[in-house]
Amino acid sequence: MKRSSVITGALAAVCLLAGCSKKEAGQVSAKKGGNLNIFIWTEYVPDSVIQKFKDDTGINITVSTYSSNEDMLAKVKAENEGAYDVVQPSDYMIQQMISQGMLEKLDKTKLTNVSNIASAYMNPTYDPDNVYSVPYLGGLAAIGVNTAKVKTDITGYADLFKPELAGTEVVLDDFRAVIGMTARSMGYSMNETDPAVLARISDKLQTLKPNIKLYDSDSPKTALISGDCTVAYCWGAEIALAMQENPDIKVVFPKEGAYKFMDNWAVTKGAKNYDQAMAFINFMLDPEVMKMVLAEFPYMCPNQTAVAGMGDAYTSNTAKNPPADEVSKGEFVKNLDTDTLAVYDTMWTKLKS
């Protein structure tokens, strides 16, 4: 996750080595034609990119979307094996799907564009050697504040619980994100398992209820832009897009250390269109394609060749491209045991009831 000066300094050289000429943009190795079913996060892959893939390859692509890793997992399990070819799980969910035998190994010989990914993002702990996945986009769950309307000083997650913010907040509709943020606000891990500590976190969580006006993981920026909510706990890219619409909106990286994530491309076990899936993933690793993605959905990007071509509008915007120190002090969500997850579920149900 960490972006270092060494990586930044090597970008130009990587561009040359990767051969990132425009004529190669979106190039794929699979035969033209066929079908592909992908299951991805909402508002994460531009329609123009999907259309380009279809035009370039002749592959008919069907897109389904989800709003949380857990929704995706449940849907994939409920369908027949291979109903979806490509999925887009986050870090911890990749690990969980690997452990449950739900993913196919990637054919690295068909991923000629993988060299565009910075080495700092490869070989992650949740998938050593990237046997089953390659990174797509990531970021931090930060805080968006409409400074024209919010006079309360907000420097971290703990400030989201202040009584004066009653009825002002839009937060992610994601139990691991919200419970994890609460834990971080108290100095605990997002992956806390101790029952006594979880009881304290649960009590603190309930004090957030009066402040929450809306749960939204699909497009939390909408409420922030409209003014329906003046504070948001959401993905940094959503805040960046809101900032483009309203310059009074600012991004705050929590002093406690943020929830960080990396979403990935993976192929489901028994995928019926494996070759087309590999062609699609390779297409999404192309720097010119990723520049199209970042223009619309400006998340933190591991594709260093694409980042090199984005310019200051992307690289200098901390909401889009978080500072390395903020990323390094963030925390990934991890898999939890069944008993602990049951406790989290009870906490979440109580909060939303």
Protein backbone atom coordinates (compact mmCIF):
# COMPACT_ATOMS: atom_id res chain seq x y z
CA MET A 1 0.00 0.00 0.00
CA LYS A 2 2.74 2.47 0.79
CA ARG A 3 3.84 4.82 -1.99
CA SER A 4 7.50 5.60 -1.60
CA SER A 5 9.73 8.13 -3.34
CA VAL A 6 11.62 5.19 -4.83
CA ILE A 7 8.45 4.00 -6.55
CA THR A 8 7.62 7.51 -7.75
CA GLY A 9 11.11 8.00 -9.13
CA ALA A 10 10.92 4.77 -11.09
CA LEU A 11 7.66 5.56 -12.85
CA ALA A 12 9.16 6.89 -16.07
CA ALA A 13 11.44 3.88 -16.40
CA VAL A 14 8.58 1.48 -15.78
CA CYS A 15 6.53 3.24 -18.47
CA LEU A 16 9.30 2.57 -20.99
CA LEU A 17 9.75 -1.02 -19.92
CA ALA A 18 6.04 -1.69 -19.90
CA GLY A 19 5.64 -0.36 -23.43
CA CYS A 20 2.70 1.90 -22.67
CA SER A 21 2.06 3.32 -26.13
CA LYS A 22 -1.47 4.36 -26.96
CA LYS A 23 -1.80 1.84 -29.75
CA GLU A 24 -1.49 -0.93 -27.15
CA ALA A 25 -4.20 0.42 -24.87
CA GLY A 26 -6.69 -2.25 -23.95
CA GLN A 27 -4.89 -4.93 -25.93
CA VAL A 28 -6.01 -8.46 -25.03
CA SER A 29 -4.66 -11.87 -25.89
CA ALA A 30 -7.81 -13.98 -25.97
CA LYS A 31 -9.72 -14.82 -29.13
CA LYS A 32 -12.40 -12.36 -30.08
CA GLY A 33 -15.93 -13.23 -29.14
CA GLY A 34 -17.55 -15.21 -26.38
CA ASN A 35 -19.26 -14.19 -23.17
CA LEU A 36 -18.19 -12.90 -19.80
CA ASN A 37 -20.10 -12.37 -16.54
CA ILE A 38 -18.55 -10.02 -14.01
CA PHE A 39 -19.71 -9.16 -10.49
CA ILE A 40 -18.27 -5.85 -9.28
CA TRP A 41 -18.71 -3.01 -6.79
CA THR A 42 -21.19 -0.29 -7.73
CA GLU A 43 -19.70 2.87 -9.26
CA TYR A 44 -16.25 1.36 -9.69
CA VAL A 45 -15.75 0.51 -13.37
CA PRO A 46 -16.90 3.16 -15.89
CA ASP A 47 -19.46 2.16 -18.51
CA SER A 48 -17.08 3.55 -21.13
CA VAL A 49 -14.43 1.02 -20.07
CA ILE A 50 -16.88 -1.86 -20.25
CA GLN A 51 -17.94 -0.72 -23.73
CA LYS A 52 -14.32 -0.38 -24.85
CA PHE A 53 -13.59 -3.94 -23.78
CA LYS A 54 -16.61 -5.16 -25.68
CA ASP A 55 -15.68 -3.17 -28.80
CA ASP A 56 -12.02 -4.25 -28.71
CA THR A 57 -12.65 -7.95 -28.17
CA GLY A 58 -16.15 -8.73 -29.40
CA ILE A 59 -16.76 -10.38 -26.03
CA ASN A 60 -20.32 -9.92 -24.78
CA ILE A 61 -20.01 -8.77 -21.16
CA THR A 62 -22.74 -8.88 -18.52
CA VAL A 63 -22.23 -6.71 -15.43
CA SER A 64 -23.81 -7.27 -12.00
CA THR A 65 -23.02 -5.11 -8.97
CA TYR A 66 -22.89 -5.35 -5.19
CA SER A 67 -22.45 -3.01 -2.22
CA SER A 68 -20.46 -5.11 0.24
CA ASN A 69 -18.06 -8.03 0.27
CA GLU A 70 -20.51 -10.05 2.33
CA ASP A 71 -23.31 -9.48 -0.21
CA MET A 72 -20.99 -10.62 -2.98
CA LEU A 73 -19.92 -13.73 -1.09
CA ALA A 74 -23.50 -14.72 -0.29
CA LYS A 75 -24.60 -14.23 -3.90
CA VAL A 76 -21.71 -16.24 -5.36
CA LYS A 77 -22.46 -19.07 -2.92
CA ALA A 78 -26.15 -18.99 -3.75
CA GLU A 79 -25.60 -19.32 -7.50
CA ASN A 80 -24.38 -22.36 -9.38
CA GLU A 81 -20.59 -22.67 -9.49
CA GLY A 82 -19.17 -20.47 -12.23
CA ALA A 83 -22.28 -18.32 -12.61
CA TYR A 84 -19.95 -15.32 -12.38
CA ASP A 85 -16.56 -15.39 -14.06
CA VAL A 86 -14.85 -12.35 -12.53
CA VAL A 87 -15.35 -10.91 -9.06
CA GLN A 88 -13.79 -7.94 -7.28
CA PRO A 89 -13.25 -8.87 -3.61
CA SER A 90 -11.39 -6.76 -1.08
CA ASP A 91 -8.23 -7.95 0.66
CA TYR A 92 -9.73 -9.94 3.54
CA MET A 93 -12.44 -11.40 1.32
CA ILE A 94 -9.84 -12.73 -1.11
CA GLN A 95 -8.30 -14.64 1.78
CA GLN A 96 -11.69 -15.98 2.83
CA MET A 97 -12.62 -17.10 -0.68
CA ILE A 98 -9.24 -18.81 -1.10
CA SER A 99 -9.74 -20.73 2.15
CA GLN A 100 -13.18 -21.86 0.97
CA GLY A 101 -11.92 -23.01 -2.43
CA MET A 102 -13.97 -20.43 -4.31
CA LEU A 103 -11.32 -19.02 -6.65
CA GLU A 104 -9.38 -20.28 -9.67
CA LYS A 105 -5.64 -19.77 -9.99
CA LEU A 106 -4.67 -17.04 -12.44
CA ASP A 107 -2.76 -17.86 -15.61
CA LYS A 108 0.08 -15.35 -15.26
CA THR A 109 1.23 -15.96 -18.84
CA LYS A 110 -1.93 -14.22 -20.01
CA LEU A 111 -1.45 -11.21 -17.74
CA THR A 112 1.14 -9.39 -19.81
CA ASN A 113 0.15 -6.03 -18.30
CA VAL A 114 0.77 -7.04 -14.68
CA SER A 115 4.21 -5.38 -14.86
CA ASN A 116 2.39 -2.05 -14.58
CA ILE A 117 1.56 -2.79 -10.93
CA ALA A 118 4.06 -1.35 -8.46
CA SER A 119 5.95 -4.03 -6.55
CA ALA A 120 4.75 -2.55 -3.23
CA TYR A 121 1.24 -3.75 -4.06
CA MET A 122 2.19 -7.26 -5.18
CA ASN A 123 2.67 -10.38 -3.05
CA PRO A 124 0.14 -9.31 -0.38
CA THR A 125 -0.30 -11.24 2.85
CA TYR A 126 -3.86 -12.16 1.88
CA ASP A 127 -2.67 -13.80 -1.37
CA PRO A 128 1.08 -14.55 -1.39
CA ASP A 129 2.58 -14.43 -4.88
CA ASN A 130 -0.79 -13.26 -6.26
CA VAL A 131 -1.78 -16.80 -7.11
CA TYR A 132 -5.50 -15.95 -7.14
CA SER A 133 -5.74 -12.18 -7.46
CA VAL A 134 -4.23 -8.96 -8.77
CA PRO A 135 -4.90 -5.50 -7.28
CA TYR A 136 -7.30 -3.06 -8.90
CA LEU A 137 -7.96 0.01 -6.72
CA GLY A 138 -7.75 0.82 -3.03
CA GLY A 139 -7.77 3.64 -0.56
CA LEU A 140 -8.74 4.82 2.87
CA ALA A 141 -12.06 5.34 4.59
CA ALA A 142 -11.68 9.02 5.43
CA ILE A 143 -13.96 11.77 6.71
CA GLY A 144 -15.59 14.34 4.43
CA VAL A 145 -16.59 17.62 6.07
CA ASN A 146 -18.62 20.51 4.67
CA THR A 147 -16.60 23.27 6.33
CA ALA A 148 -19.16 25.93 5.48
CA LYS A 149 -21.76 24.22 7.63
CA VAL A 150 -19.78 22.26 10.22
CA LYS A 151 -18.00 24.36 12.82
CA THR A 152 -17.04 21.43 15.04
CA ASP A 153 -13.34 20.61 14.85
CA ILE A 154 -12.99 17.17 13.26
CA THR A 155 -9.57 15.53 13.27
CA GLY A 156 -10.38 11.85 13.67
CA TYR A 157 -12.93 9.08 13.98
CA ALA A 158 -13.57 9.94 17.63
CA ASP A 159 -15.05 13.29 16.59
CA LEU A 160 -17.83 11.57 14.64
CA PHE A 161 -19.44 10.69 17.98
CA LYS A 162 -19.80 14.30 19.16
CA PRO A 163 -23.41 15.11 20.16
CA GLU A 164 -23.40 18.36 18.16
CA LEU A 165 -23.22 16.31 14.96
CA ALA A 166 -26.63 14.70 15.56
CA GLY A 167 -28.47 13.96 12.32
CA THR A 168 -25.67 15.16 10.05
CA GLU A 169 -23.73 12.09 9.00
CA VAL A 170 -23.76 9.66 6.09
CA VAL A 171 -21.72 6.54 6.86
CA LEU A 172 -20.83 3.40 4.95
CA ASP A 173 -23.45 0.69 5.05
CA ASP A 174 -20.74 -1.77 6.01
CA PHE A 175 -20.58 -3.38 9.43
CA ARG A 176 -16.83 -4.02 9.40
CA ALA A 177 -16.15 -0.42 8.38
CA VAL A 178 -18.39 1.22 10.98
CA ILE A 179 -17.59 -1.13 13.87
CA GLY A 180 -13.93 -0.98 12.89
CA MET A 181 -13.97 2.82 12.86
CA THR A 182 -15.52 2.79 16.33
CA ALA A 183 -12.80 0.46 17.58
CA ARG A 184 -10.09 2.69 16.10
CA SER A 185 -11.65 5.72 17.77
CA MET A 186 -11.11 3.97 21.11
CA GLY A 187 -7.54 2.89 20.39
CA TYR A 188 -8.45 -0.71 19.51
CA SER A 189 -7.89 -2.76 16.37
CA MET A 190 -10.51 -3.00 13.66
CA ASN A 191 -10.12 -6.74 14.10
CA GLU A 192 -10.76 -6.90 17.84
CA THR A 193 -11.87 -10.28 19.17
CA ASP A 194 -11.78 -9.95 22.96
CA PRO A 195 -15.40 -10.23 24.23
CA ALA A 196 -14.87 -7.69 27.02
CA VAL A 197 -13.40 -5.16 24.59
CA LEU A 198 -16.16 -5.81 22.07
CA ALA A 199 -18.73 -5.04 24.77
CA ARG A 200 -17.11 -1.64 25.30
CA ILE A 201 -16.99 -1.04 21.55
CA SER A 202 -20.67 -1.95 21.30
CA ASP A 203 -21.59 0.59 23.96
CA LYS A 204 -19.63 3.29 22.14
CA LEU A 205 -21.18 2.29 18.82
CA GLN A 206 -24.67 2.96 20.13
CA THR A 207 -23.73 6.57 20.84
CA LEU A 208 -23.16 7.03 17.10
CA LYS A 209 -26.78 6.21 16.25
CA PRO A 210 -28.20 9.74 16.79
CA ASN A 211 -25.57 11.21 14.46
CA ILE A 212 -26.29 8.90 11.52
CA LYS A 213 -28.78 10.25 9.03
CA LEU A 214 -28.01 7.82 6.23
CA TYR A 215 -26.22 4.53 5.57
CA ASP A 216 -24.87 4.44 2.02
CA SER A 217 -22.03 2.46 0.48
CA ASP A 218 -23.14 2.95 -3.13
CA SER A 219 -22.86 6.74 -3.46
CA PRO A 220 -22.33 8.49 -0.11
CA LYS A 221 -21.02 11.53 -1.98
CA THR A 222 -24.56 12.27 -3.17
CA ALA A 223 -25.80 13.25 0.30
CA LEU A 224 -22.65 15.28 0.92
CA ILE A 225 -22.95 17.17 -2.36
CA SER A 226 -26.67 17.87 -1.93
CA GLY A 227 -26.16 19.11 1.63
CA ASP A 228 -28.52 16.49 2.99
CA CYS A 229 -25.56 15.41 5.14
CA THR A 230 -22.65 17.61 6.13
CA VAL A 231 -20.26 14.93 7.40
CA ALA A 232 -19.38 11.66 5.68
CA TYR A 233 -17.47 8.58 6.75
CA CYS A 234 -16.72 7.00 3.40
CA TRP A 235 -14.15 6.14 0.76
CA GLY A 236 -11.64 8.84 -0.07
CA ALA A 237 -12.56 8.83 -3.76
CA GLU A 238 -16.18 9.64 -2.89
CA ILE A 239 -14.94 12.64 -0.93
CA ALA A 240 -12.71 13.67 -3.84
CA LEU A 241 -15.69 13.65 -6.19
CA ALA A 242 -17.74 15.66 -3.70
CA MET A 243 -14.90 18.18 -3.41
CA GLN A 244 -15.07 18.72 -7.17
CA GLU A 245 -18.71 19.74 -6.81
CA ASN A 246 -18.37 21.81 -3.64
CA PRO A 247 -15.03 23.41 -2.66
CA ASP A 248 -16.27 23.78 0.93
CA ILE A 249 -15.97 20.02 1.35
CA LYS A 250 -12.63 18.89 2.74
CA VAL A 251 -11.04 15.53 3.42
CA VAL A 252 -9.84 14.58 6.91
CA PHE A 253 -7.63 11.59 7.48
CA PRO A 254 -8.32 10.28 11.00
CA LYS A 255 -5.51 10.80 13.45
CA GLU A 256 -6.18 7.31 14.85
CA GLY A 257 -5.20 5.73 11.53
CA ALA A 258 -7.72 4.93 8.80
CA TYR A 259 -9.46 1.81 7.59
CA LYS A 260 -7.53 0.90 4.44
CA PHE A 261 -8.50 -1.48 1.69
CA MET A 262 -7.39 -2.95 -1.61
CA ASP A 263 -9.89 -4.38 -4.06
CA ASN A 264 -8.76 -7.06 -6.46
CA TRP A 265 -9.60 -8.94 -9.62
CA ALA A 266 -10.20 -12.67 -9.22
CA VAL A 267 -11.79 -15.53 -11.13
CA THR A 268 -14.41 -17.72 -9.51
CA LYS A 269 -14.05 -21.48 -9.18
CA GLY A 270 -15.55 -23.22 -12.18
CA ALA A 271 -15.73 -20.05 -14.27
CA LYS A 272 -17.37 -20.91 -17.58
CA ASN A 273 -15.46 -18.24 -19.50
CA TYR A 274 -11.95 -18.47 -18.09
CA ASP A 275 -10.07 -17.24 -21.16
CA GLN A 276 -12.36 -14.24 -21.49
CA ALA A 277 -11.92 -13.55 -17.78
CA MET A 278 -8.15 -13.48 -18.16
CA ALA A 279 -8.47 -11.19 -21.18
CA PHE A 280 -10.62 -8.82 -19.16
CA ILE A 281 -8.25 -8.71 -16.19
CA ASN A 282 -5.31 -8.05 -18.50
CA PHE A 283 -7.32 -5.31 -20.19
CA MET A 284 -7.97 -3.70 -16.79
CA LEU A 285 -4.23 -3.74 -16.06
CA ASP A 286 -3.52 -1.63 -19.14
CA PRO A 287 -2.39 1.89 -18.09
CA GLU A 288 -4.49 3.71 -20.69
CA VAL A 289 -7.58 1.84 -19.52
CA MET A 290 -6.76 2.60 -15.89
CA LYS A 291 -6.42 6.29 -16.73
CA MET A 292 -10.00 6.14 -18.01
CA VAL A 293 -11.02 4.56 -14.71
CA LEU A 294 -9.21 7.14 -12.57
CA ALA A 295 -10.74 10.03 -14.50
CA GLU A 296 -14.15 8.89 -13.29
CA PHE A 297 -13.42 6.99 -10.07
CA PRO A 298 -10.28 8.53 -8.51
CA TYR A 299 -9.27 5.90 -5.98
CA MET A 300 -5.74 5.04 -4.86
CA CYS A 301 -4.19 3.17 -7.78
CA PRO A 302 -1.48 0.48 -7.67
CA ASN A 303 -0.97 0.76 -11.44
CA GLN A 304 2.13 2.97 -11.33
CA THR A 305 2.28 3.41 -15.10
CA ALA A 306 -1.24 4.80 -15.14
CA VAL A 307 -0.52 7.07 -12.17
CA ALA A 308 2.53 8.47 -13.97
CA GLY A 309 0.26 9.66 -16.77
CA MET A 310 -2.43 11.24 -14.59
CA GLY A 311 -0.66 14.50 -13.73
CA ASP A 312 -0.92 16.75 -10.69
CA ALA A 313 -4.72 16.83 -10.68
CA TYR A 314 -4.61 13.26 -9.47
CA THR A 315 -1.23 12.85 -7.77
CA SER A 316 -1.47 16.06 -5.72
CA ASN A 317 -5.04 15.50 -4.54
CA THR A 318 -4.75 13.69 -1.21
CA ALA A 319 -8.36 12.49 -1.30
CA LYS A 320 -7.58 10.66 -4.54
CA ASN A 321 -3.98 9.74 -3.83
CA PRO A 322 -3.53 9.51 -0.01
CA PRO A 323 -0.16 10.43 1.51
CA ALA A 324 2.13 7.48 2.13
CA ASP A 325 2.23 8.11 5.88
CA GLU A 326 -1.57 8.00 6.10
CA VAL A 327 -1.62 4.72 4.20
CA SER A 328 1.14 3.19 6.30
CA LYS A 329 -0.62 3.90 9.60
CA GLY A 330 -3.93 2.53 8.33
CA GLU A 331 -5.26 -0.95 9.08
CA PHE A 332 -6.66 -3.69 6.87
CA VAL A 333 -9.77 -5.57 7.92
CA LYS A 334 -8.97 -9.25 8.51
CA ASN A 335 -11.00 -12.43 8.60
CA LEU A 336 -12.59 -13.14 11.97
CA ASP A 337 -13.78 -16.41 13.48
CA THR A 338 -17.45 -17.35 13.30
CA ASP A 339 -18.19 -16.62 16.96
CA THR A 340 -16.66 -13.14 16.75
CA LEU A 341 -18.51 -12.38 13.52
CA ALA A 342 -21.75 -13.30 15.28
CA VAL A 343 -20.97 -10.68 17.94
CA TYR A 344 -20.25 -8.09 15.23
CA ASP A 345 -23.53 -8.97 13.55
CA THR A 346 -25.43 -8.45 16.79
CA MET A 347 -23.74 -5.09 17.32
CA TRP A 348 -24.62 -4.01 13.77
CA THR A 349 -28.24 -5.16 14.05
CA LYS A 350 -28.64 -3.25 17.31
CA LEU A 351 -27.19 -0.10 15.75
CA LYS A 352 -29.52 -0.18 12.75
CA SER A 353 -32.66 -1.21 14.64
